[in-house]
Amino acid sequence: MRQQTNGNTRLLGLIGNPVSHTLSPVIHNTLSELRGLNQLYVPFQVSAEELERAVQGAYALNILGLNVTVPHKNQILNYVVGLDPAAAAIGAVNTLVRTPEGYQGYNTDMPGLLRAVQSEGIRIQGQTVVILGAGGAARAVAYMCMREQADTVYILNRSVEKAQEIAESMNRMFHTSDMRAMAMKDIAGLPDGPFLVFQCTSLGLSPDTEAVAVEDPDFYRKVEAGVDLIYNPAETRFMHLVKEAGGRAYNGLKMLLYQGIIAYELWNGIQVTEEEAELVYDRLYEAVHPPGDNIVLIGFMGSGKTTVGHLLEQQYGYTFLDTDAWIEEQEGRSIARIFDEEGEAYFRHLEQRTLRRLAADTSHAVISTGGGMPLQQENARLLRELGQVFYLEVSEEEVWERVKNSHDRPLLECADPKARIHELLTARHPVYRKAAHKQISVNERTVAEIAAEIYAYRTGWE
């Protein structure tokens, strides 16, 4: 728990206009909590006319550091004592770091995006890159791609003049001709892929989620990986079209995460661990995708998820849904057959697809999940998006008593099922705990007691 503010609290903040939508406090206040640092991050709405005085006032008030967002990222260059190379090259500042002489200007958007794509296993060096859009974000992406030695970069925009200005600027800066400008209407003239595509326009941003810069199916067939800088909605139409054509697609939430982390590291002279970054990302994800009104039950085989779920349905008016049964109905075959015929990896893919469908149109339901469903991080996040997640914790001994006569547990089809239970439960217990909002022991308790505790916690949480 983060300590209360006192006379030693250092202030961090954001200046922009507007700022009411910002998620930056989630990032920085969570990091201060995790690190045990007595710091508080606050957004400040500042007009363009008051920007200079705001920077001067912040320095006079001993504010440790500031983020800068629209519309001030360019104008702020006039009020800093120096610039890091990325900010100077891009012509925009999003982070102010306190020095004895004044605030130093940095741009963490580009290194933040680079960390984000690297975390997804995406390589830029040697790739053919397509950038959609020619605004400030596109300029930062263009600089990153050139610095990371992309093979060829095509920048496309409705107004080709803006794309040409960025391309010419980057080619001069890097002494090359590898960046080329095109009009968006001429996208069919791109060479064959595969492409790494960065979607840098505002098209698809909530609430206008069906908008997209490019409709042409032939283009998407050339996309190996697509990164949309938008993070709300979680899957834009651009991302959907990339996936539909067989490519990998990612949204901008990790860019938001890492640009904030880099700013925090600059302010405090520290290195944020990947474990800390993962915790912050979970909170960001939940801030963008608040839990639905469902009750989600997770836990090991034999923990009683189905039995408890049915009682919640009967006593409290929820609809019951079992993800394994739902998958079996959709596939027209049993889980055991799916494992036998397709393998575990295929089944895990089905689980994730199921969660995405349920997240889109399921409400006021009790959802009982397969024991392995929360093991993938994306599944765990989708479960928390569906509703409040309860981990039904059960002992190894109790599991064995409940499943020893069962013949439909593919993971226990082995020479020593008791040893297998120990191995699996030991590995999964910390994953279940992390995925859940609430952990409930089911050992030596009646189903009615467990259901009543879940319902009481659920209604108190609402």
Foldseek 3Di string as FASTA:
>chain_A
DADDADPPEAEEEEEEPPPPPDPLQLQVVLVCVVVVNRYHYYYDYDDPVCVLVVQVVCVVVVHAKYFYDPPCFQVCVVRAPEEDPLCVLLNGFGMWGDDPVGTYGYFLLLVLVVVVCVVVVDQLAQFEEEEEDQDSSSLSPLLSSVVSHHQAYEYEYQPQVSQVVSQVSNCVVNVHNRYYTDYLVCVVPDDAAQYEYEYEDCFCAPPNQQGDSDDDLVNLLNYQEYEYLHPVPVAGVVQVSNVVSPHHYGYNLSSVLRSSQVSSCSSPVDHDDVVSSVVSSLSSLCVRQPAAAEEEEEEAPLLCLVVLQVVCCVPPPAAEEELQVVLCVVVVHHPLVCCVPPNDVVVLVSLLVSLVVCLVDPHRHYYYYYHCQLVDVSSLSSSNSHHAYEYADEDLVSNCVRPVPPDRDNQQPDDDSSVSSVVVCVVCVVSSVVSHPYYDYPPPHDSVVVSVVSVVVSVVVD
